Amino acid sequence: MSKTEFFETLWARMAQQGDFPTLQYCVDNIFKTLNADLTVGEMATSVLSDFSLSQKVIRLANSAMYRSFGGEVTTVSRAILVLGVEAVSHLTLGIQLLDYFHGVAPQRPQAAKALQRALVAGEITRALSQAHGINEGEEAVVCTLMHHMSRLLPVFYFPDEWERVEAMCATHPMTENEACQEVLGVSMEEIAEGAARKWRLPGLIAHAMKPRTLSPDTVLETHADWLAAIAQVSAQAAATMVRDGTTDAVESLLMSHAKVLGLHGSDVGSAVRQADVLNTSIAKAEAPAHDNAPATHPGKPDDTLERLRQGLAEVRREGAGLSVSQLAPMVLESTMRALNCSRCFLMMLNPATKRFHARLGFGDGMREKLAALSFEEGFVPDIFHFAGLSARPMLVEDSLDPEIAPRIPRWYRDAIPDARSILLAPVKMRNRCIALIYGDWGATLLNGGLGDPELDMVDQLMQEIAAGVLRAAPQR
């Protein structure tokens, strides 16, 4: 097979399966994420739309490496504060890209290993870059992930040929690249570069896919050279870690290239530890996750009050040093998890326009609904305005009840037509409602409602947001 035939066959197979438009959208979305200055709330909203991803993030934050931050991490918002937006951003974009392949992959062992190696390599690159204060860390991570396209694409679209590549490497003294060239007529670097150009990635990243020979005396003269080198070295390190499961050989490999890459020895040790945590987490992720998982049955859990107490304790422990933009997502998510809500969102009052607008929301499809969730501050006899006047959280047990239905505003019902039981909790300052937290349980009717102790605990969580706003206000 010639190089031209390989690429024609690859693009044709992707087109036949309808995969190319999906993957192009995924890659485009990754670059939007990279170019966005995401807040904790925005990142939490993105992560919480994917239950599997949210559990991976929480497990990583609770790993031995991060436990020194104090206290068990039970929310994605807290995990982002522990790990940092950059780390979670990388984890998110990596899983977005690689989950695409899970959807089209044949059930082959080499597919799972290829995905694991790609994500671990990306973490090594990110950790090395971050430890050394390199601003282009996320760019380097994308280069590393694209570098792994050279293996992922053949694994998924030329599975039989890739089995021959692996067999040749096992029985002959040759590299994967040499075997790939012989079986498919194209080098692995050419596959990665061709994919980068096909998906309209920046020329710098496509150029960084070109092979470079690294030795202790190599001098990297351009940024593209450095991107290619760190992607290549991270890929080798990840392969060693996934294959052997030990860190000594990985650290030795990275140390041998540290000088060429302009890194310190301390950077290497830290990066290896972080990658090892992720590698272990990925291996465990294949098993069903129980820790921190929300109740599997609809409606509020039996231990709702204890969950609310734990959430309030965590918010109080961490909240004093947080900005409102960091505190609010934690309060919202803690409330949602404690009550096992299907959806929740936070509405803030804009004093200039005298309107409440939904600022962040968690749950299926909430990101797309936020723009439609807005109402004026001036009184209208509906549940949102009644909640704003209430001295404590208000539960609407059945929004479809004939007595209640006329109090459900059209703007809300158009956006969320299926909610039965609705919780509305006001955040007040000087007797004025400045924010509302909303939660629902989907089509489930919350029989038995919420008791006074539970509503009081929700109210105390709302008071933490008010205290945060007060701390942020200029002193007069």
Protein backbone atom coordinates (compact mmCIF):
# COMPACT_ATOMS: atom_id res chain seq x y z
CA MET A 1 0.00 0.00 0.00
CA SER A 2 1.35 3.43 -0.93
CA LYS A 3 1.14 6.52 1.28
CA THR A 4 -1.52 8.01 -1.01
CA GLU A 5 -3.58 4.81 -0.94
CA PHE A 6 -3.36 4.67 2.85
CA PHE A 7 -4.75 8.17 3.37
CA GLU A 8 -7.45 7.75 0.70
CA THR A 9 -8.58 4.53 2.40
CA LEU A 10 -8.43 6.10 5.88
CA TRP A 11 -10.56 9.13 4.98
CA ALA A 12 -12.97 6.94 3.02
CA ARG A 13 -13.48 4.56 5.94
CA MET A 14 -14.07 7.45 8.33
CA ALA A 15 -16.53 9.02 5.88
CA GLN A 16 -18.39 5.73 5.37
CA GLN A 17 -18.85 5.32 9.12
CA GLY A 18 -19.88 8.96 9.53
CA ASP A 19 -17.04 9.51 11.98
CA PHE A 20 -15.16 12.37 10.37
CA PRO A 21 -17.70 15.17 11.02
CA THR A 22 -18.00 14.06 14.66
CA LEU A 23 -14.25 13.98 15.17
CA GLN A 24 -13.80 17.32 13.40
CA TYR A 25 -16.38 18.84 15.78
CA CYS A 26 -14.58 17.27 18.74
CA VAL A 27 -11.22 18.69 17.69
CA ASP A 28 -12.74 22.13 17.02
CA ASN A 29 -14.37 22.06 20.46
CA ILE A 30 -11.07 21.22 22.10
CA PHE A 31 -9.46 24.30 20.61
CA LYS A 32 -12.37 26.46 21.77
CA THR A 33 -11.73 25.09 25.27
CA LEU A 34 -8.03 25.84 25.02
CA ASN A 35 -8.63 29.39 23.86
CA ALA A 36 -11.24 30.15 26.53
CA ASP A 37 -10.42 31.69 29.89
CA LEU A 38 -12.65 29.34 31.86
CA THR A 39 -13.80 30.02 35.41
CA VAL A 40 -14.26 27.33 38.03
CA GLY A 41 -18.02 27.44 37.42
CA GLU A 42 -17.72 27.10 33.65
CA MET A 43 -15.26 24.24 33.96
CA ALA A 44 -17.44 22.52 36.59
CA THR A 45 -20.48 22.88 34.32
CA SER A 46 -18.54 21.23 31.49
CA VAL A 47 -17.26 18.38 33.65
CA LEU A 48 -20.58 17.71 35.40
CA SER A 49 -22.32 17.17 32.07
CA ASP A 50 -20.36 13.87 31.93
CA PHE A 51 -20.85 11.62 34.98
CA SER A 52 -17.90 9.37 34.10
CA LEU A 53 -15.56 12.34 33.74
CA SER A 54 -16.77 13.94 36.98
CA GLN A 55 -15.97 10.75 38.91
CA LYS A 56 -12.48 10.58 37.38
CA VAL A 57 -11.80 14.18 38.38
CA ILE A 58 -13.02 13.61 41.97
CA ARG A 59 -11.01 10.37 42.31
CA LEU A 60 -7.86 12.09 41.10
CA ALA A 61 -8.34 14.96 43.58
CA ASN A 62 -8.72 12.40 46.39
CA SER A 63 -5.56 10.51 45.41
CA ALA A 64 -2.62 10.36 47.79
CA MET A 65 -0.80 13.03 45.85
CA TYR A 66 -3.43 15.71 46.45
CA ARG A 67 -4.67 14.65 49.88
CA SER A 68 -2.30 17.07 51.57
CA PHE A 69 -4.69 19.88 50.56
CA GLY A 70 -6.86 18.77 53.46
CA GLY A 71 -10.25 17.10 53.66
CA GLU A 72 -11.98 14.66 51.34
CA VAL A 73 -12.98 16.14 48.00
CA THR A 74 -16.65 15.43 47.26
CA THR A 75 -17.43 17.93 44.49
CA VAL A 76 -16.02 18.71 41.08
CA SER A 77 -15.87 22.40 42.02
CA ARG A 78 -13.59 21.60 44.96
CA ALA A 79 -11.57 19.21 42.79
CA ILE A 80 -10.93 22.01 40.30
CA LEU A 81 -9.68 24.23 43.11
CA VAL A 82 -7.35 21.43 44.27
CA LEU A 83 -6.08 20.35 40.85
CA GLY A 84 -6.32 23.69 39.07
CA VAL A 85 -8.38 24.67 36.03
CA GLU A 86 -5.46 23.80 33.73
CA ALA A 87 -5.18 20.22 34.99
CA VAL A 88 -8.91 19.59 34.73
CA SER A 89 -9.00 21.34 31.35
CA HIS A 90 -6.37 18.91 30.07
CA LEU A 91 -8.16 15.93 31.57
CA THR A 92 -11.42 17.09 30.00
CA LEU A 93 -10.08 17.77 26.52
CA GLY A 94 -8.10 14.54 26.54
CA ILE A 95 -11.12 12.47 27.50
CA GLN A 96 -13.32 14.37 25.01
CA LEU A 97 -10.95 13.42 22.24
CA LEU A 98 -10.29 9.88 23.38
CA ASP A 99 -13.90 9.07 24.30
CA TYR A 100 -14.69 9.65 20.64
CA PHE A 101 -12.49 6.67 19.84
CA HIS A 102 -14.17 4.58 22.53
CA GLY A 103 -17.38 5.09 20.56
CA VAL A 104 -15.97 3.78 17.28
CA ALA A 105 -13.42 1.30 18.62
CA PRO A 106 -13.65 -2.41 18.06
CA GLN A 107 -13.38 -4.29 21.33
CA ARG A 108 -9.67 -5.00 21.05
CA PRO A 109 -7.13 -4.95 23.90
CA GLN A 110 -4.71 -2.80 21.88
CA ALA A 111 -7.37 -0.11 21.54
CA ALA A 112 -7.72 0.34 25.31
CA LYS A 113 -3.94 0.39 25.74
CA ALA A 114 -3.49 2.94 22.96
CA LEU A 115 -6.05 5.23 24.59
CA GLN A 116 -4.45 4.86 28.01
CA ARG A 117 -0.99 5.62 26.64
CA ALA A 118 -2.25 8.75 24.91
CA LEU A 119 -3.86 10.19 28.03
CA VAL A 120 -0.90 9.38 30.28
CA ALA A 121 1.50 10.93 27.75
CA GLY A 122 -0.61 14.08 27.72
CA GLU A 123 -0.47 14.26 31.52
CA ILE A 124 3.33 13.88 31.49
CA THR A 125 3.61 16.73 29.01
CA ARG A 126 1.25 18.95 30.99
CA ALA A 127 2.97 18.24 34.30
CA LEU A 128 6.45 18.86 32.88
CA SER A 129 5.34 22.12 31.28
CA GLN A 130 3.47 23.37 34.33
CA ALA A 131 6.24 22.53 36.78
CA HIS A 132 8.71 24.53 34.69
CA GLY A 133 6.35 27.47 34.20
CA ILE A 134 6.06 27.03 30.43
CA ASN A 135 3.07 28.99 29.12
CA GLU A 136 2.51 26.79 26.08
CA GLY A 137 1.71 23.71 28.17
CA GLU A 138 -1.75 23.12 26.73
CA GLU A 139 -0.40 23.53 23.21
CA ALA A 140 2.19 20.88 24.03
CA VAL A 141 -0.52 18.58 25.39
CA VAL A 142 -2.45 18.82 22.11
CA CYS A 143 0.75 18.03 20.21
CA THR A 144 1.24 14.98 22.41
CA LEU A 145 -2.33 13.78 21.85
CA MET A 146 -2.00 14.33 18.11
CA HIS A 147 1.28 12.44 18.19
CA HIS A 148 -0.75 9.46 19.42
CA MET A 149 -3.12 9.74 16.47
CA SER A 150 -0.41 7.92 14.55
CA ARG A 151 -1.28 4.84 16.62
CA LEU A 152 -4.98 5.42 17.32
CA LEU A 153 -6.03 5.80 13.68
CA PRO A 154 -4.47 2.52 12.48
CA VAL A 155 -5.72 0.67 15.58
CA PHE A 156 -9.31 1.69 14.87
CA TYR A 157 -9.45 1.88 11.07
CA PHE A 158 -6.82 -0.70 10.04
CA PRO A 159 -7.15 -3.23 12.91
CA ASP A 160 -5.95 -6.26 10.96
CA GLU A 161 -2.95 -4.41 9.58
CA TRP A 162 -2.09 -3.08 13.04
CA GLU A 163 -2.09 -6.63 14.43
CA ARG A 164 0.54 -7.44 11.77
CA VAL A 165 2.54 -4.37 12.87
CA GLU A 166 2.52 -5.59 16.48
CA ALA A 167 3.39 -9.14 15.44
CA MET A 168 6.36 -7.92 13.40
CA CYS A 169 7.64 -5.86 16.36
CA ALA A 170 7.31 -8.89 18.62
CA THR A 171 9.18 -11.28 16.32
CA HIS A 172 11.73 -8.98 14.65
CA PRO A 173 14.16 -6.38 15.99
CA MET A 174 12.26 -3.43 14.55
CA THR A 175 10.36 -0.39 15.81
CA GLU A 176 6.63 0.27 15.47
CA ASN A 177 7.46 3.01 12.99
CA GLU A 178 9.50 0.66 10.80
CA ALA A 179 6.82 -2.03 10.91
CA CYS A 180 4.12 0.54 10.15
CA GLN A 181 6.07 1.76 7.12
CA GLU A 182 6.40 -1.80 5.84
CA VAL A 183 2.78 -2.86 6.42
CA LEU A 184 0.89 0.37 5.65
CA GLY A 185 3.37 2.20 3.44
CA VAL A 186 3.42 5.26 5.70
CA SER A 187 5.35 6.29 8.80
CA MET A 188 3.61 7.01 12.09
CA GLU A 189 4.80 10.62 11.99
CA GLU A 190 3.25 11.01 8.54
CA ILE A 191 -0.07 9.67 9.87
CA ALA A 192 -0.05 12.20 12.71
CA GLU A 193 0.93 15.07 10.42
CA GLY A 194 -1.68 14.08 7.82
CA ALA A 195 -4.41 13.98 10.50
CA ALA A 196 -3.36 17.37 11.90
CA ARG A 197 -3.59 18.96 8.44
CA LYS A 198 -6.86 17.18 7.59
CA TRP A 199 -8.45 18.54 10.77
CA ARG A 200 -7.16 22.06 10.08
CA LEU A 201 -5.06 22.28 13.21
CA PRO A 202 -2.58 25.17 13.41
CA GLY A 203 0.42 24.75 11.13
CA LEU A 204 2.76 24.79 14.13
CA ILE A 205 1.15 21.65 15.53
CA ALA A 206 1.12 19.89 12.16
CA HIS A 207 4.79 20.80 11.70
CA ALA A 208 5.60 19.45 15.16
CA MET A 209 4.49 15.98 14.03
CA LYS A 210 7.60 15.66 11.85
CA PRO A 211 10.13 13.17 13.24
CA ARG A 212 13.18 14.48 15.13
CA THR A 213 16.16 12.44 16.22
CA LEU A 214 16.95 13.08 19.86
CA SER A 215 20.30 12.55 21.51
CA PRO A 216 22.01 14.10 24.56
CA ASP A 217 23.69 16.56 22.18
CA THR A 218 20.53 17.60 20.28
CA VAL A 219 19.93 21.35 20.15
CA LEU A 220 16.28 22.40 19.75
CA GLU A 221 16.28 25.59 17.69
CA THR A 222 12.56 26.32 17.22
CA HIS A 223 9.37 26.08 19.25
CA ALA A 224 8.09 23.41 16.85
CA ASP A 225 11.26 21.41 17.56
CA TRP A 226 10.57 21.61 21.29
CA LEU A 227 6.89 20.66 20.88
CA ALA A 228 7.83 17.64 18.78
CA ALA A 229 10.55 16.60 21.20
CA ILE A 230 8.42 16.76 24.35
CA ALA A 231 5.56 14.93 22.60
CA GLN A 232 7.98 12.22 21.47
CA VAL A 233 9.63 11.80 24.87
CA SER A 234 6.28 11.84 26.72
CA ALA A 235 4.99 9.15 24.37
CA GLN A 236 7.98 6.92 25.13
CA ALA A 237 7.58 7.53 28.86
CA ALA A 238 3.84 6.75 28.76
CA ALA A 239 4.47 3.52 26.84
CA THR A 240 6.92 2.44 29.54
CA MET A 241 4.55 3.35 32.37
CA VAL A 242 1.49 1.62 30.88
CA ARG A 243 3.50 -1.47 29.95
CA ASP A 244 5.53 -1.91 33.15
CA GLY A 245 3.51 -0.01 35.73
CA THR A 246 6.70 1.19 37.41
CA THR A 247 8.03 4.72 37.75
CA ASP A 248 11.80 4.19 38.05
CA ALA A 249 12.30 3.39 34.36
CA VAL A 250 10.02 6.28 33.36
CA GLU A 251 11.94 8.75 35.53
CA SER A 252 15.25 7.49 34.16
CA LEU A 253 14.02 7.92 30.57
CA LEU A 254 12.81 11.46 31.20
CA MET A 255 15.97 12.42 33.07
CA SER A 256 18.06 11.36 30.08
CA HIS A 257 16.20 13.96 27.97
CA ALA A 258 15.73 16.66 30.61
CA LYS A 259 18.72 18.74 29.52
CA VAL A 260 17.67 18.70 25.85
CA LEU A 261 14.13 19.76 26.77
CA GLY A 262 15.34 22.48 29.15
CA LEU A 263 13.82 20.86 32.26
CA HIS A 264 15.02 20.44 35.84
CA GLY A 265 15.34 17.11 37.58
CA SER A 266 12.75 18.18 40.16
CA ASP A 267 10.27 18.81 37.32
CA VAL A 268 10.71 15.23 36.15
CA GLY A 269 10.04 13.63 39.53
CA SER A 270 6.85 15.62 40.06
CA ALA A 271 5.58 14.86 36.53
CA VAL A 272 6.17 11.14 36.94
CA ARG A 273 4.23 11.05 40.21
CA GLN A 274 1.29 12.93 38.66
CA ALA A 275 1.23 10.68 35.59
CA ASP A 276 1.38 7.59 37.79
CA VAL A 277 -1.68 8.81 39.71
CA LEU A 278 -3.58 9.26 36.44
CA ASN A 279 -2.39 5.93 35.06
CA THR A 280 -3.65 4.15 38.18
CA SER A 281 -6.91 6.11 38.04
CA ILE A 282 -7.52 5.08 34.42
CA ALA A 283 -6.90 1.43 35.28
CA LYS A 284 -9.37 1.62 38.20
CA ALA A 285 -11.90 3.52 36.06
CA GLU A 286 -12.75 0.30 34.26
CA ALA A 287 -14.37 -0.91 37.48
CA PRO A 288 -17.74 0.57 38.49
CA ALA A 289 -17.35 3.73 40.56
CA HIS A 290 -19.11 3.81 43.93
CA ASP A 291 -17.34 6.55 45.83
CA ASN A 292 -19.00 9.93 45.63
CA ALA A 293 -21.61 8.59 43.24
CA PRO A 294 -25.06 10.08 43.47
CA ALA A 295 -27.97 7.89 44.49
CA THR A 296 -29.01 5.57 41.68
CA HIS A 297 -32.72 5.92 42.53
CA PRO A 298 -34.58 9.11 41.70
CA GLY A 299 -35.65 11.49 44.42
CA LYS A 300 -33.86 12.61 47.55
CA PRO A 301 -31.55 10.14 49.36
CA ASP A 302 -32.39 8.73 52.79
CA ASP A 303 -29.36 10.48 54.29
CA THR A 304 -30.11 13.89 52.77
CA LEU A 305 -29.62 15.80 56.03
CA GLU A 306 -26.19 14.26 56.66
CA ARG A 307 -25.17 14.97 53.07
CA LEU A 308 -26.19 18.61 53.51
CA ARG A 309 -24.21 18.83 56.76
CA GLN A 310 -21.10 17.46 55.05
CA GLY A 311 -21.52 19.85 52.12
CA LEU A 312 -21.93 22.83 54.45
CA ALA A 313 -18.85 21.79 56.45
CA GLU A 314 -16.77 21.59 53.26
CA VAL A 315 -18.02 24.96 52.01
CA ARG A 316 -17.27 26.61 55.36
CA ARG A 317 -13.84 25.00 55.53
CA GLU A 318 -12.84 26.25 52.10
CA GLY A 319 -15.12 29.20 51.45
CA ALA A 320 -13.48 32.01 53.39
CA GLY A 321 -10.56 32.24 50.99
CA LEU A 322 -12.59 31.90 47.79
CA SER A 323 -14.00 34.47 45.42
CA VAL A 324 -17.75 34.42 44.76
CA SER A 325 -17.10 32.91 41.31
CA GLN A 326 -15.29 30.01 43.03
CA LEU A 327 -17.61 29.70 46.02
CA ALA A 328 -20.95 29.72 44.17
CA PRO A 329 -20.26 26.60 42.04
CA MET A 330 -19.19 24.71 45.16
CA VAL A 331 -22.39 25.65 47.02
CA LEU A 332 -24.55 24.83 43.99
CA GLU A 333 -22.91 21.46 43.40
CA SER A 334 -22.91 20.54 47.12
CA THR A 335 -26.64 21.23 47.26
CA MET A 336 -27.29 19.28 44.06
CA ARG A 337 -25.34 16.22 45.23
CA ALA A 338 -26.84 16.24 48.73
CA LEU A 339 -30.40 16.37 47.38
CA ASN A 340 -29.68 14.13 44.36
CA CYS A 341 -31.17 16.73 42.00
CA SER A 342 -31.29 15.96 38.29
CA ARG A 343 -30.61 19.60 37.39
CA CYS A 344 -29.74 22.77 39.18
CA PHE A 345 -28.75 26.31 38.29
CA LEU A 346 -27.81 29.59 39.93
CA MET A 347 -29.52 32.86 38.98
CA MET A 348 -27.87 36.18 39.86
CA LEU A 349 -29.48 39.64 39.95
CA ASN A 350 -27.98 42.23 37.63
CA PRO A 351 -28.66 45.49 39.53
CA ALA A 352 -28.20 47.59 36.39
CA THR A 353 -30.90 45.82 34.37
CA LYS A 354 -32.93 44.62 37.39
CA ARG A 355 -33.12 41.13 35.92
CA PHE A 356 -32.11 37.72 37.21
CA HIS A 357 -30.00 35.65 34.80
CA ALA A 358 -28.88 32.00 35.08
CA ARG A 359 -25.09 32.08 35.41
CA LEU A 360 -24.18 28.44 35.77
CA GLY A 361 -26.01 25.15 35.85
CA PHE A 362 -25.28 21.46 36.36
CA GLY A 363 -27.07 18.47 34.91
CA ASP A 364 -28.01 17.08 31.53
CA GLY A 365 -28.42 19.79 28.88
CA MET A 366 -28.17 22.71 31.32
CA ARG A 367 -25.38 24.51 29.45
CA GLU A 368 -27.66 25.02 26.46
CA LYS A 369 -30.64 26.14 28.59
CA LEU A 370 -28.94 28.90 30.62
CA ALA A 371 -29.48 31.70 28.09
CA ALA A 372 -33.27 31.17 28.19
CA LEU A 373 -33.49 31.33 31.99
CA SER A 374 -34.04 34.97 32.94
CA PHE A 375 -36.75 37.08 34.58
CA GLU A 376 -37.29 40.66 35.74
CA GLU A 377 -36.90 41.64 39.38
CA GLY A 378 -40.20 43.56 39.53
CA PHE A 379 -42.95 41.49 41.10
CA VAL A 380 -44.99 38.98 39.10
CA PRO A 381 -47.16 36.41 40.96
CA ASP A 382 -45.11 33.34 40.03
CA ILE A 383 -43.02 30.85 42.00
CA PHE A 384 -39.70 32.59 41.30
CA HIS A 385 -40.86 35.92 42.67
CA PHE A 386 -42.58 34.25 45.63
CA ALA A 387 -39.28 32.47 46.37
CA GLY A 388 -37.43 35.79 46.18
CA LEU A 389 -39.75 37.21 48.85
CA SER A 390 -39.57 34.12 51.05
CA ALA A 391 -37.45 34.13 54.21
CA ARG A 392 -36.28 30.54 53.57
CA PRO A 393 -35.99 27.99 50.76
CA MET A 394 -39.28 27.07 49.10
CA LEU A 395 -40.23 23.62 47.78
CA VAL A 396 -42.90 23.30 45.08
CA GLU A 397 -43.88 19.65 45.56
CA ASP A 398 -45.85 19.29 42.31
CA SER A 399 -45.53 21.99 39.67
CA LEU A 400 -48.23 20.25 37.60
CA ASP A 401 -50.85 20.56 40.34
CA PRO A 402 -53.80 22.62 38.95
CA GLU A 403 -53.46 25.07 41.84
CA ILE A 404 -49.74 25.59 41.18
CA ALA A 405 -49.52 25.37 37.38
CA PRO A 406 -50.69 28.98 36.78
CA ARG A 407 -47.77 30.16 38.95
CA ILE A 408 -45.19 28.48 36.73
CA PRO A 409 -43.83 31.11 34.31
CA ARG A 410 -43.83 30.32 30.60
CA TRP A 411 -40.12 31.24 30.11
CA TYR A 412 -39.21 28.55 32.63
CA ARG A 413 -41.62 25.85 31.43
CA ASP A 414 -40.50 26.31 27.81
CA ALA A 415 -36.92 25.59 28.86
CA ILE A 416 -37.63 22.83 31.39
CA PRO A 417 -40.99 21.19 30.60
CA ASP A 418 -40.64 17.95 32.58
CA ALA A 419 -39.81 19.05 36.14
CA ARG A 420 -42.36 18.07 38.81
CA SER A 421 -40.88 18.97 42.20
CA ILE A 422 -38.90 22.23 42.31
CA LEU A 423 -36.66 23.73 45.00
CA LEU A 424 -36.02 27.50 44.98
CA ALA A 425 -33.60 28.88 47.58
CA PRO A 426 -33.05 32.65 47.85
CA VAL A 427 -29.73 34.32 48.64
CA LYS A 428 -30.44 37.57 50.47
CA MET A 429 -28.54 40.69 51.46
CA ARG A 430 -30.21 43.47 53.43
CA ASN A 431 -33.57 41.79 52.84
CA ARG A 432 -33.14 41.93 49.05
CA CYS A 433 -32.89 38.75 46.99
CA ILE A 434 -29.62 38.91 45.03
CA ALA A 435 -29.56 35.32 43.79
CA LEU A 436 -31.64 32.14 43.56
CA ILE A 437 -30.55 28.55 43.52
CA TYR A 438 -32.87 26.15 41.67
CA GLY A 439 -33.02 22.36 41.74
CA ASP A 440 -35.39 19.69 40.40
CA TRP A 441 -35.65 15.90 40.27
CA GLY A 442 -36.83 15.59 36.69
CA ALA A 443 -40.16 13.83 36.24
CA THR A 444 -39.92 12.31 39.75
CA LEU A 445 -42.43 13.59 42.29
CA LEU A 446 -40.67 14.26 45.60
CA ASN A 447 -43.12 12.48 47.90
CA GLY A 448 -42.66 13.58 51.50
CA GLY A 449 -40.97 16.79 50.44
CA LEU A 450 -38.13 18.27 52.49
CA GLY A 451 -38.30 18.63 56.26
CA ASP A 452 -37.59 21.83 58.20
CA PRO A 453 -34.06 20.67 59.21
CA GLU A 454 -33.20 20.01 55.55
CA LEU A 455 -34.59 23.37 54.38
CA ASP A 456 -32.70 25.12 57.21
CA MET A 457 -29.46 23.45 56.09
CA VAL A 458 -30.06 24.56 52.48
CA ASP A 459 -30.65 28.08 53.81
CA GLN A 460 -27.32 28.00 55.63
CA LEU A 461 -25.62 27.07 52.36
CA MET A 462 -27.27 30.09 50.72
CA GLN A 463 -25.97 32.28 53.55
CA GLU A 464 -22.42 31.25 52.61
CA ILE A 465 -22.91 32.80 49.16
CA ALA A 466 -24.27 35.97 50.75
CA ALA A 467 -21.25 36.10 53.05
CA GLY A 468 -18.96 35.71 50.04
CA VAL A 469 -20.67 38.58 48.24
CA LEU A 470 -20.35 40.72 51.38
CA ARG A 471 -16.62 39.95 51.69
CA ALA A 472 -16.13 40.96 48.06
CA ALA A 473 -18.06 44.23 48.40
CA PRO A 474 -15.97 47.40 48.89
CA GLN A 475 -15.82 48.46 52.51
CA ARG A 476 -17.73 51.65 53.27
